[in-house]
Amino acid sequence: MYYFWTKLKTMKKVYMLFLLSFVSFVMFGGNDPVKSATKFSQKQSEVNDQLFKIQEIDRILKEEQITYSELAAKYPDLVNATNLAPTVDEGIFEKSADSPLGIPGFWWGFCLGVVGLIIVYVSMDEGADRKEQIKNALIGCVIAYGVFLLFYLVLWGVLFSTTVDASTTIPTMIAGSC
């Protein structure tokens, strides 16, 4: 057990040294602060112009009570100047009208696994939306299990690589009467 704790303390020191080196490199790595400040001040006017155009679009949408597609038809130059997309596609995170509790299928599968997949399957009506949400729940389920498996393998790989070697003996209390 002592061997494990000494290895753990050593790994903590190595990890902290790596973390501090990385943070130092990111903060001070070859950037001249004066040059960075002038870059920001040059870009600041562009950012302010973009924000003004977005505020203008927001004001028009509220005052005229029109949809975004109507805005794009009525003010195409303003929409093109802001580089806004005409539609928002959420992909696998998109929910349908009858999603369980209004939560997209991906999150049901990701958070609850197979149980979430079953919840989506049982609670939605038959149709194309159901198929899409079940597929999204399955993708979420597979991703969650993949992340868990990767974490599990890395955790056990680190534990066994630092605690077991040729000189390690198993204490009799743990080994029992083998």
N, C-alpha and C. Protein backbone atom coordinates (compact mmCIF):
# COMPACT_ATOMS: atom_id res chain seq x y z
N MET A 1 0.83 -1.18 0.00
CA MET A 1 0.00 0.00 0.00
C MET A 1 0.88 1.26 0.00
N TYR A 2 2.00 1.17 0.71
CA TYR A 2 2.91 2.30 0.77
C TYR A 2 3.43 2.64 -0.62
N TYR A 3 3.72 1.59 -1.40
CA TYR A 3 4.23 1.79 -2.75
C TYR A 3 3.22 2.57 -3.60
N PHE A 4 1.95 2.21 -3.46
CA PHE A 4 0.90 2.89 -4.21
C PHE A 4 0.83 4.37 -3.86
N TRP A 5 0.90 4.70 -2.56
CA TRP A 5 0.79 6.10 -2.15
C TRP A 5 2.00 6.90 -2.59
N THR A 6 3.18 6.31 -2.56
CA THR A 6 4.35 7.05 -3.02
C THR A 6 4.26 7.30 -4.52
N LYS A 7 3.78 6.32 -5.28
CA LYS A 7 3.60 6.51 -6.71
C LYS A 7 2.54 7.58 -6.98
N LEU A 8 1.47 7.55 -6.18
CA LEU A 8 0.42 8.53 -6.34
C LEU A 8 0.92 9.95 -6.06
N LYS A 9 1.73 10.10 -5.01
CA LYS A 9 2.29 11.42 -4.70
C LYS A 9 3.22 11.88 -5.82
N THR A 10 3.98 10.97 -6.37
CA THR A 10 4.87 11.32 -7.48
C THR A 10 4.06 11.74 -8.70
N MET A 11 2.99 11.02 -8.98
CA MET A 11 2.14 11.37 -10.11
C MET A 11 1.47 12.72 -9.90
N LYS A 12 1.09 13.04 -8.67
CA LYS A 12 0.52 14.35 -8.39
C LYS A 12 1.53 15.45 -8.69
N LYS A 13 2.77 15.23 -8.28
CA LYS A 13 3.80 16.24 -8.54
C LYS A 13 4.04 16.41 -10.04
N VAL A 14 4.11 15.31 -10.76
CA VAL A 14 4.33 15.37 -12.21
C VAL A 14 3.15 16.06 -12.88
N TYR A 15 1.93 15.72 -12.46
CA TYR A 15 0.74 16.33 -13.03
C TYR A 15 0.72 17.83 -12.76
N MET A 16 1.02 18.26 -11.56
CA MET A 16 1.02 19.69 -11.23
C MET A 16 2.09 20.43 -12.03
N LEU A 17 3.27 19.82 -12.18
CA LEU A 17 4.32 20.44 -12.97
C LEU A 17 3.88 20.59 -14.43
N PHE A 18 3.26 19.55 -14.97
CA PHE A 18 2.76 19.62 -16.34
C PHE A 18 1.69 20.69 -16.47
N LEU A 19 0.76 20.74 -15.53
CA LEU A 19 -0.32 21.72 -15.56
C LEU A 19 0.21 23.15 -15.49
N LEU A 20 1.14 23.40 -14.58
CA LEU A 20 1.72 24.74 -14.47
C LEU A 20 2.50 25.12 -15.73
N SER A 21 3.22 24.17 -16.30
CA SER A 21 3.96 24.45 -17.53
C SER A 21 3.00 24.78 -18.67
N PHE A 22 1.93 24.01 -18.77
CA PHE A 22 0.96 24.24 -19.83
C PHE A 22 0.29 25.61 -19.68
N VAL A 23 -0.13 25.94 -18.48
CA VAL A 23 -0.77 27.23 -18.24
C VAL A 23 0.20 28.38 -18.53
N SER A 24 1.44 28.23 -18.11
CA SER A 24 2.44 29.27 -18.38
C SER A 24 2.66 29.44 -19.87
N PHE A 25 2.74 28.33 -20.57
CA PHE A 25 2.96 28.40 -22.01
C PHE A 25 1.78 29.08 -22.71
N VAL A 26 0.58 28.73 -22.29
CA VAL A 26 -0.61 29.32 -22.91
C VAL A 26 -0.68 30.82 -22.63
N MET A 27 -0.37 31.21 -21.39
CA MET A 27 -0.49 32.62 -21.02
C MET A 27 0.62 33.48 -21.61
N PHE A 28 1.85 32.97 -21.58
CA PHE A 28 2.97 33.83 -21.94
C PHE A 28 3.75 33.32 -23.16
N GLY A 29 3.29 32.28 -23.77
CA GLY A 29 4.05 31.63 -24.84
C GLY A 29 4.21 32.43 -26.11
N GLY A 30 5.18 33.27 -26.19
CA GLY A 30 5.54 33.95 -27.42
C GLY A 30 4.62 35.08 -27.83
N ASN A 31 3.74 35.52 -26.98
CA ASN A 31 2.84 36.62 -27.34
C ASN A 31 3.33 37.91 -26.69
N ASP A 32 3.48 38.90 -27.52
CA ASP A 32 3.84 40.22 -27.01
C ASP A 32 2.56 40.91 -26.56
N PRO A 33 2.44 41.30 -25.29
CA PRO A 33 1.20 41.88 -24.80
C PRO A 33 0.79 43.15 -25.54
N VAL A 34 1.76 43.97 -25.94
CA VAL A 34 1.44 45.21 -26.65
C VAL A 34 0.86 44.89 -28.03
N LYS A 35 1.45 43.90 -28.70
CA LYS A 35 0.98 43.50 -30.02
C LYS A 35 -0.44 42.91 -29.93
N SER A 36 -0.68 42.10 -28.90
CA SER A 36 -2.01 41.52 -28.72
C SER A 36 -3.05 42.60 -28.44
N ALA A 37 -2.69 43.61 -27.67
CA ALA A 37 -3.63 44.69 -27.35
C ALA A 37 -3.98 45.49 -28.59
N THR A 38 -3.01 45.75 -29.47
CA THR A 38 -3.30 46.50 -30.69
C THR A 38 -4.15 45.67 -31.64
N LYS A 39 -3.95 44.35 -31.67
CA LYS A 39 -4.79 43.49 -32.50
C LYS A 39 -6.24 43.59 -32.04
N PHE A 40 -6.44 43.57 -30.72
CA PHE A 40 -7.80 43.64 -30.20
C PHE A 40 -8.43 44.99 -30.52
N SER A 41 -7.70 46.06 -30.38
CA SER A 41 -8.29 47.37 -30.65
C SER A 41 -8.62 47.53 -32.13
N GLN A 42 -7.85 46.88 -33.01
CA GLN A 42 -8.18 46.93 -34.43
C GLN A 42 -9.45 46.14 -34.73
N LYS A 43 -9.63 45.01 -34.06
CA LYS A 43 -10.80 44.17 -34.29
C LYS A 43 -12.03 44.68 -33.53
N GLN A 44 -11.83 45.54 -32.57
CA GLN A 44 -12.94 46.00 -31.74
C GLN A 44 -13.99 46.73 -32.57
N SER A 45 -13.56 47.52 -33.54
CA SER A 45 -14.54 48.24 -34.36
C SER A 45 -15.36 47.27 -35.21
N GLU A 46 -14.74 46.20 -35.70
CA GLU A 46 -15.47 45.19 -36.46
C GLU A 46 -16.50 44.48 -35.59
N VAL A 47 -16.10 44.16 -34.37
CA VAL A 47 -17.02 43.49 -33.44
C VAL A 47 -18.18 44.41 -33.11
N ASN A 48 -17.90 45.67 -32.86
CA ASN A 48 -18.96 46.63 -32.55
C ASN A 48 -19.93 46.79 -33.72
N ASP A 49 -19.41 46.81 -34.95
CA ASP A 49 -20.28 46.91 -36.13
C ASP A 49 -21.20 45.70 -36.24
N GLN A 50 -20.66 44.50 -36.03
CA GLN A 50 -21.47 43.28 -36.09
C GLN A 50 -22.56 43.29 -35.02
N LEU A 51 -22.18 43.68 -33.80
CA LEU A 51 -23.16 43.73 -32.72
C LEU A 51 -24.26 44.75 -33.01
N PHE A 52 -23.90 45.89 -33.59
CA PHE A 52 -24.90 46.90 -33.95
C PHE A 52 -25.88 46.34 -34.97
N LYS A 53 -25.36 45.61 -35.96
CA LYS A 53 -26.25 45.03 -36.98
C LYS A 53 -27.18 43.98 -36.38
N ILE A 54 -26.67 43.18 -35.45
CA ILE A 54 -27.51 42.17 -34.80
C ILE A 54 -28.58 42.85 -33.94
N GLN A 55 -28.21 43.92 -33.26
CA GLN A 55 -29.21 44.66 -32.48
C GLN A 55 -30.27 45.27 -33.38
N GLU A 56 -29.85 45.73 -34.55
CA GLU A 56 -30.79 46.28 -35.52
C GLU A 56 -31.77 45.21 -36.00
N ILE A 57 -31.27 44.02 -36.25
CA ILE A 57 -32.14 42.91 -36.66
C ILE A 57 -33.13 42.58 -35.55
N ASP A 58 -32.64 42.52 -34.33
CA ASP A 58 -33.50 42.23 -33.18
C ASP A 58 -34.60 43.29 -33.04
N ARG A 59 -34.23 44.54 -33.21
CA ARG A 59 -35.21 45.62 -33.11
C ARG A 59 -36.28 45.49 -34.20
N ILE A 60 -35.86 45.20 -35.43
CA ILE A 60 -36.81 45.06 -36.55
C ILE A 60 -37.75 43.88 -36.29
N LEU A 61 -37.21 42.77 -35.82
CA LEU A 61 -38.05 41.59 -35.55
C LEU A 61 -39.10 41.88 -34.49
N LYS A 62 -38.73 42.63 -33.46
CA LYS A 62 -39.67 42.94 -32.39
C LYS A 62 -40.71 43.98 -32.82
N GLU A 63 -40.27 45.02 -33.52
CA GLU A 63 -41.19 46.10 -33.90
C GLU A 63 -42.18 45.68 -34.97
N GLU A 64 -41.69 44.98 -35.99
CA GLU A 64 -42.55 44.63 -37.12
C GLU A 64 -43.24 43.28 -36.94
N GLN A 65 -42.91 42.54 -35.88
CA GLN A 65 -43.52 41.24 -35.61
C GLN A 65 -43.46 40.31 -36.83
N ILE A 66 -42.26 40.17 -37.39
CA ILE A 66 -42.09 39.31 -38.56
C ILE A 66 -41.15 38.15 -38.19
N THR A 67 -41.19 37.12 -39.00
CA THR A 67 -40.30 35.97 -38.78
C THR A 67 -38.95 36.25 -39.42
N TYR A 68 -38.01 35.37 -39.12
CA TYR A 68 -36.67 35.57 -39.67
C TYR A 68 -36.67 35.41 -41.19
N SER A 69 -37.44 34.46 -41.73
CA SER A 69 -37.47 34.29 -43.18
C SER A 69 -38.08 35.51 -43.87
N GLU A 70 -39.09 36.14 -43.24
CA GLU A 70 -39.64 37.37 -43.80
C GLU A 70 -38.62 38.50 -43.73
N LEU A 71 -37.86 38.54 -42.65
CA LEU A 71 -36.80 39.54 -42.52
C LEU A 71 -35.75 39.36 -43.62
N ALA A 72 -35.38 38.10 -43.89
CA ALA A 72 -34.38 37.82 -44.93
C ALA A 72 -34.88 38.26 -46.30
N ALA A 73 -36.19 38.13 -46.55
CA ALA A 73 -36.74 38.57 -47.84
C ALA A 73 -36.85 40.08 -47.92
N LYS A 74 -37.18 40.73 -46.79
CA LYS A 74 -37.40 42.18 -46.78
C LYS A 74 -36.09 42.96 -46.67
N TYR A 75 -35.14 42.48 -45.89
CA TYR A 75 -33.86 43.16 -45.68
C TYR A 75 -32.70 42.21 -45.96
N PRO A 76 -32.49 41.82 -47.21
CA PRO A 76 -31.44 40.84 -47.50
C PRO A 76 -30.03 41.37 -47.25
N ASP A 77 -29.83 42.67 -47.48
CA ASP A 77 -28.48 43.22 -47.27
C ASP A 77 -28.09 43.19 -45.79
N LEU A 78 -29.02 43.44 -44.90
CA LEU A 78 -28.75 43.42 -43.46
C LEU A 78 -28.46 41.99 -42.99
N VAL A 79 -29.23 41.04 -43.49
CA VAL A 79 -29.03 39.64 -43.10
C VAL A 79 -27.70 39.13 -43.65
N ASN A 80 -27.37 39.46 -44.88
CA ASN A 80 -26.10 39.02 -45.46
C ASN A 80 -24.90 39.66 -44.76
N ALA A 81 -25.05 40.91 -44.31
CA ALA A 81 -23.95 41.60 -43.64
C ALA A 81 -23.61 40.97 -42.29
N THR A 82 -24.59 40.34 -41.66
CA THR A 82 -24.34 39.73 -40.35
C THR A 82 -23.95 38.27 -40.44
N ASN A 83 -24.03 37.67 -41.62
CA ASN A 83 -23.68 36.26 -41.83
C ASN A 83 -24.51 35.32 -40.95
N LEU A 84 -25.76 35.64 -40.74
CA LEU A 84 -26.64 34.78 -39.96
C LEU A 84 -27.23 33.71 -40.86
N ALA A 85 -27.34 32.50 -40.33
CA ALA A 85 -27.93 31.40 -41.10
C ALA A 85 -29.44 31.55 -41.12
N PRO A 86 -30.08 31.22 -42.24
CA PRO A 86 -31.53 31.36 -42.32
C PRO A 86 -32.29 30.36 -41.44
N THR A 87 -31.70 29.20 -41.19
CA THR A 87 -32.34 28.21 -40.33
C THR A 87 -31.32 27.67 -39.35
N VAL A 88 -31.84 27.12 -38.29
CA VAL A 88 -30.97 26.51 -37.29
C VAL A 88 -31.24 25.02 -37.29
N ASP A 89 -30.23 24.24 -37.60
CA ASP A 89 -30.35 22.79 -37.59
C ASP A 89 -29.58 22.28 -36.40
N GLU A 90 -30.30 21.68 -35.46
CA GLU A 90 -29.65 21.21 -34.24
C GLU A 90 -29.12 19.79 -34.39
N GLY A 91 -29.39 19.13 -35.49
CA GLY A 91 -28.89 17.79 -35.71
C GLY A 91 -29.45 16.79 -34.71
N ILE A 92 -28.58 16.04 -34.05
CA ILE A 92 -29.04 15.00 -33.13
C ILE A 92 -29.64 15.58 -31.87
N PHE A 93 -29.42 16.86 -31.59
CA PHE A 93 -29.98 17.49 -30.39
C PHE A 93 -31.37 18.06 -30.63
N GLU A 94 -31.88 17.93 -31.86
CA GLU A 94 -33.17 18.51 -32.20
C GLU A 94 -34.30 17.68 -31.58
N LYS A 95 -35.25 18.37 -30.98
CA LYS A 95 -36.38 17.68 -30.38
C LYS A 95 -37.58 17.78 -31.30
N SER A 96 -38.47 16.82 -31.15
CA SER A 96 -39.70 16.86 -31.94
C SER A 96 -40.82 17.43 -31.07
N ALA A 97 -41.98 17.59 -31.66
CA ALA A 97 -43.09 18.20 -30.94
C ALA A 97 -43.55 17.36 -29.76
N ASP A 98 -43.46 16.03 -29.87
CA ASP A 98 -43.93 15.19 -28.77
C ASP A 98 -42.79 14.45 -28.07
N SER A 99 -41.64 15.09 -27.98
CA SER A 99 -40.52 14.50 -27.22
C SER A 99 -40.92 14.35 -25.77
N PRO A 100 -40.47 13.28 -25.12
CA PRO A 100 -40.80 13.11 -23.70
C PRO A 100 -40.28 14.27 -22.86
N LEU A 101 -41.17 14.96 -22.19
CA LEU A 101 -40.86 16.12 -21.35
C LEU A 101 -40.16 17.23 -22.10
N GLY A 102 -40.22 17.22 -23.43
CA GLY A 102 -39.58 18.25 -24.23
C GLY A 102 -38.07 18.10 -24.32
N ILE A 103 -37.55 16.96 -23.92
CA ILE A 103 -36.11 16.72 -23.93
C ILE A 103 -35.78 15.91 -25.18
N PRO A 104 -34.78 16.31 -25.97
CA PRO A 104 -34.43 15.56 -27.18
C PRO A 104 -34.00 14.13 -26.86
N GLY A 105 -34.20 13.24 -27.82
CA GLY A 105 -33.88 11.83 -27.63
C GLY A 105 -32.42 11.58 -27.31
N PHE A 106 -31.52 12.39 -27.88
CA PHE A 106 -30.09 12.20 -27.62
C PHE A 106 -29.80 12.25 -26.13
N TRP A 107 -30.37 13.22 -25.44
CA TRP A 107 -30.09 13.38 -24.01
C TRP A 107 -30.72 12.27 -23.18
N TRP A 108 -31.87 11.74 -23.61
CA TRP A 108 -32.45 10.59 -22.92
C TRP A 108 -31.48 9.41 -23.01
N GLY A 109 -30.96 9.15 -24.20
CA GLY A 109 -30.04 8.04 -24.38
C GLY A 109 -28.71 8.27 -23.69
N PHE A 110 -28.22 9.49 -23.74
CA PHE A 110 -26.92 9.79 -23.15
C PHE A 110 -26.95 9.70 -21.63
N CYS A 111 -27.98 10.26 -21.01
CA CYS A 111 -28.04 10.31 -19.55
C CYS A 111 -28.56 9.02 -18.92
N LEU A 112 -29.53 8.36 -19.57
CA LEU A 112 -30.14 7.19 -18.95
C LEU A 112 -29.81 5.88 -19.66
N GLY A 113 -29.10 5.94 -20.77
CA GLY A 113 -28.68 4.73 -21.46
C GLY A 113 -29.86 3.99 -22.07
N VAL A 114 -29.89 2.68 -21.85
CA VAL A 114 -30.93 1.83 -22.43
C VAL A 114 -32.30 2.22 -21.88
N VAL A 115 -32.36 2.61 -20.63
CA VAL A 115 -33.64 3.04 -20.03
C VAL A 115 -34.18 4.27 -20.78
N GLY A 116 -33.32 5.22 -21.09
CA GLY A 116 -33.74 6.39 -21.86
C GLY A 116 -34.21 6.02 -23.24
N LEU A 117 -33.55 5.06 -23.86
CA LEU A 117 -33.95 4.58 -25.17
C LEU A 117 -35.36 3.98 -25.11
N ILE A 118 -35.62 3.21 -24.08
CA ILE A 118 -36.94 2.61 -23.90
C ILE A 118 -37.99 3.69 -23.63
N ILE A 119 -37.65 4.70 -22.82
CA ILE A 119 -38.58 5.79 -22.54
C ILE A 119 -38.98 6.51 -23.82
N VAL A 120 -38.02 6.80 -24.67
CA VAL A 120 -38.32 7.49 -25.94
C VAL A 120 -39.18 6.60 -26.82
N TYR A 121 -38.86 5.31 -26.87
CA TYR A 121 -39.62 4.38 -27.73
C TYR A 121 -41.07 4.26 -27.28
N VAL A 122 -41.28 4.14 -25.97
CA VAL A 122 -42.62 3.92 -25.44
C VAL A 122 -43.46 5.19 -25.44
N SER A 123 -42.87 6.33 -25.16
CA SER A 123 -43.65 7.54 -24.94
C SER A 123 -44.01 8.31 -26.21
N MET A 124 -43.36 8.04 -27.32
CA MET A 124 -43.65 8.80 -28.54
C MET A 124 -44.61 8.06 -29.45
N ASP A 125 -45.38 8.84 -30.22
CA ASP A 125 -46.32 8.27 -31.18
C ASP A 125 -45.57 7.75 -32.39
N GLU A 126 -46.20 6.82 -33.10
CA GLU A 126 -45.62 6.23 -34.30
C GLU A 126 -45.43 7.31 -35.36
N GLY A 127 -44.33 7.27 -36.09
CA GLY A 127 -44.11 8.22 -37.17
C GLY A 127 -42.63 8.48 -37.39
N ALA A 128 -42.36 9.44 -38.30
CA ALA A 128 -40.98 9.76 -38.66
C ALA A 128 -40.24 10.41 -37.50
N ASP A 129 -40.94 11.24 -36.71
CA ASP A 129 -40.29 11.88 -35.56
C ASP A 129 -39.83 10.84 -34.54
N ARG A 130 -40.66 9.82 -34.35
CA ARG A 130 -40.30 8.77 -33.40
C ARG A 130 -39.05 8.05 -33.86
N LYS A 131 -38.98 7.70 -35.14
CA LYS A 131 -37.79 7.02 -35.67
C LYS A 131 -36.55 7.88 -35.47
N GLU A 132 -36.67 9.16 -35.78
CA GLU A 132 -35.53 10.08 -35.65
C GLU A 132 -35.09 10.19 -34.20
N GLN A 133 -36.04 10.33 -33.28
CA GLN A 133 -35.69 10.48 -31.87
C GLN A 133 -35.12 9.18 -31.29
N ILE A 134 -35.60 8.04 -31.74
CA ILE A 134 -35.04 6.76 -31.28
C ILE A 134 -33.61 6.62 -31.78
N LYS A 135 -33.39 7.03 -33.02
CA LYS A 135 -32.03 6.98 -33.56
C LYS A 135 -31.11 7.90 -32.76
N ASN A 136 -31.60 9.10 -32.43
CA ASN A 136 -30.80 10.03 -31.64
C ASN A 136 -30.54 9.48 -30.24
N ALA A 137 -31.54 8.83 -29.65
CA ALA A 137 -31.36 8.23 -28.32
C ALA A 137 -30.33 7.10 -28.38
N LEU A 138 -30.36 6.33 -29.45
CA LEU A 138 -29.37 5.25 -29.61
C LEU A 138 -27.96 5.83 -29.76
N ILE A 139 -27.84 6.90 -30.52
CA ILE A 139 -26.53 7.55 -30.67
C ILE A 139 -26.05 8.07 -29.31
N GLY A 140 -26.94 8.70 -28.55
CA GLY A 140 -26.58 9.18 -27.22
C GLY A 140 -26.17 8.05 -26.30
N CYS A 141 -26.88 6.94 -26.37
CA CYS A 141 -26.58 5.77 -25.55
C CYS A 141 -25.20 5.21 -25.90
N VAL A 142 -24.91 5.07 -27.17
CA VAL A 142 -23.61 4.54 -27.61
C VAL A 142 -22.49 5.48 -27.20
N ILE A 143 -22.68 6.77 -27.36
CA ILE A 143 -21.65 7.74 -26.97
C ILE A 143 -21.41 7.69 -25.47
N ALA A 144 -22.47 7.62 -24.67
CA ALA A 144 -22.31 7.57 -23.22
C ALA A 144 -21.55 6.32 -22.79
N TYR A 145 -21.92 5.16 -23.36
CA TYR A 145 -21.22 3.94 -23.01
C TYR A 145 -19.78 3.96 -23.50
N GLY A 146 -19.54 4.58 -24.64
CA GLY A 146 -18.17 4.70 -25.13
C GLY A 146 -17.31 5.58 -24.22
N VAL A 147 -17.88 6.70 -23.77
CA VAL A 147 -17.15 7.58 -22.84
C VAL A 147 -16.87 6.85 -21.53
N PHE A 148 -17.87 6.12 -21.02
CA PHE A 148 -17.69 5.36 -19.78
C PHE A 148 -16.61 4.30 -19.95
N LEU A 149 -16.66 3.56 -21.06
CA LEU A 149 -15.67 2.52 -21.30
C LEU A 149 -14.26 3.10 -21.42
N LEU A 150 -14.13 4.20 -22.11
CA LEU A 150 -12.83 4.86 -22.25
C LEU A 150 -12.31 5.31 -20.88
N PHE A 151 -13.17 5.94 -20.09
CA PHE A 151 -12.78 6.37 -18.75
C PHE A 151 -12.37 5.17 -17.90
N TYR A 152 -13.14 4.10 -17.96
CA TYR A 152 -12.87 2.90 -17.17
C TYR A 152 -11.54 2.29 -17.57
N LEU A 153 -11.27 2.15 -18.86
CA LEU A 153 -10.01 1.57 -19.32
C LEU A 153 -8.82 2.43 -18.93
N VAL A 154 -8.94 3.73 -19.08
CA VAL A 154 -7.85 4.63 -18.71
C VAL A 154 -7.60 4.58 -17.21
N LEU A 155 -8.66 4.59 -16.42
CA LEU A 155 -8.52 4.53 -14.97
C LEU A 155 -7.81 3.26 -14.53
N TRP A 156 -8.26 2.12 -15.02
CA TRP A 156 -7.63 0.87 -14.61
C TRP A 156 -6.23 0.73 -15.22
N GLY A 157 -6.02 1.25 -16.39
CA GLY A 157 -4.68 1.23 -16.98
C GLY A 157 -3.70 2.02 -16.14
N VAL A 158 -4.12 3.19 -15.67
CA VAL A 158 -3.25 4.01 -14.83
C VAL A 158 -3.02 3.33 -13.49
N LEU A 159 -4.06 2.79 -12.88
CA LEU A 159 -3.89 2.14 -11.59
C LEU A 159 -2.96 0.93 -11.67
N PHE A 160 -3.16 0.08 -12.68
CA PHE A 160 -2.32 -1.11 -12.77
C PHE A 160 -0.91 -0.80 -13.24
N SER A 161 -0.75 0.21 -14.05
CA SER A 161 0.61 0.52 -14.51
C SER A 161 1.44 1.15 -13.39
N THR A 162 0.80 1.76 -12.41
CA THR A 162 1.58 2.39 -11.34
C THR A 162 1.68 1.53 -10.10
N THR A 163 0.88 0.48 -9.95
CA THR A 163 0.90 -0.28 -8.71
C THR A 163 1.44 -1.69 -8.85
N VAL A 164 1.46 -2.26 -10.02
CA VAL A 164 1.89 -3.64 -10.17
C VAL A 164 3.18 -3.68 -10.96
N ASP A 165 4.20 -4.25 -10.36
CA ASP A 165 5.43 -4.53 -11.06
C ASP A 165 6.03 -5.80 -10.46
N ALA A 166 7.23 -6.16 -10.86
CA ALA A 166 7.82 -7.42 -10.44
C ALA A 166 8.11 -7.46 -8.94
N SER A 167 8.38 -6.31 -8.32
CA SER A 167 8.74 -6.31 -6.91
C SER A 167 7.54 -6.16 -5.98
N THR A 168 6.35 -5.98 -6.54
CA THR A 168 5.16 -5.80 -5.71
C THR A 168 4.71 -7.15 -5.16
N THR A 169 4.46 -7.20 -3.86
CA THR A 169 3.93 -8.41 -3.25
C THR A 169 2.52 -8.12 -2.78
N ILE A 170 1.69 -9.12 -2.84
CA ILE A 170 0.31 -8.97 -2.40
C ILE A 170 0.28 -9.25 -0.91
N PRO A 171 -0.23 -8.29 -0.12
CA PRO A 171 -0.29 -8.53 1.33
C PRO A 171 -1.18 -9.72 1.65
N THR A 172 -0.83 -10.43 2.70
CA THR A 172 -1.59 -11.64 3.06
C THR A 172 -3.01 -11.32 3.47
N MET A 173 -3.24 -10.12 3.98
CA MET A 173 -4.60 -9.74 4.36
C MET A 173 -5.50 -9.68 3.12
N ILE A 174 -4.97 -9.16 1.98
CA ILE A 174 -5.76 -9.06 0.75
C ILE A 174 -5.83 -10.40 0.05
N ALA A 175 -4.70 -11.12 0.02
CA ALA A 175 -4.62 -12.38 -0.72
C ALA A 175 -5.46 -13.47 -0.06
N GLY A 176 -5.66 -13.41 1.24
CA GLY A 176 -6.43 -14.42 1.93
C GLY A 176 -5.60 -15.68 2.10
N SER A 177 -6.24 -16.78 1.99
CA SER A 177 -5.54 -18.05 2.19
C SER A 177 -5.36 -18.78 0.88
N CYS A 178 -4.92 -18.08 -0.15
CA CYS A 178 -4.74 -18.69 -1.47
C CYS A 178 -3.65 -19.67 -1.46
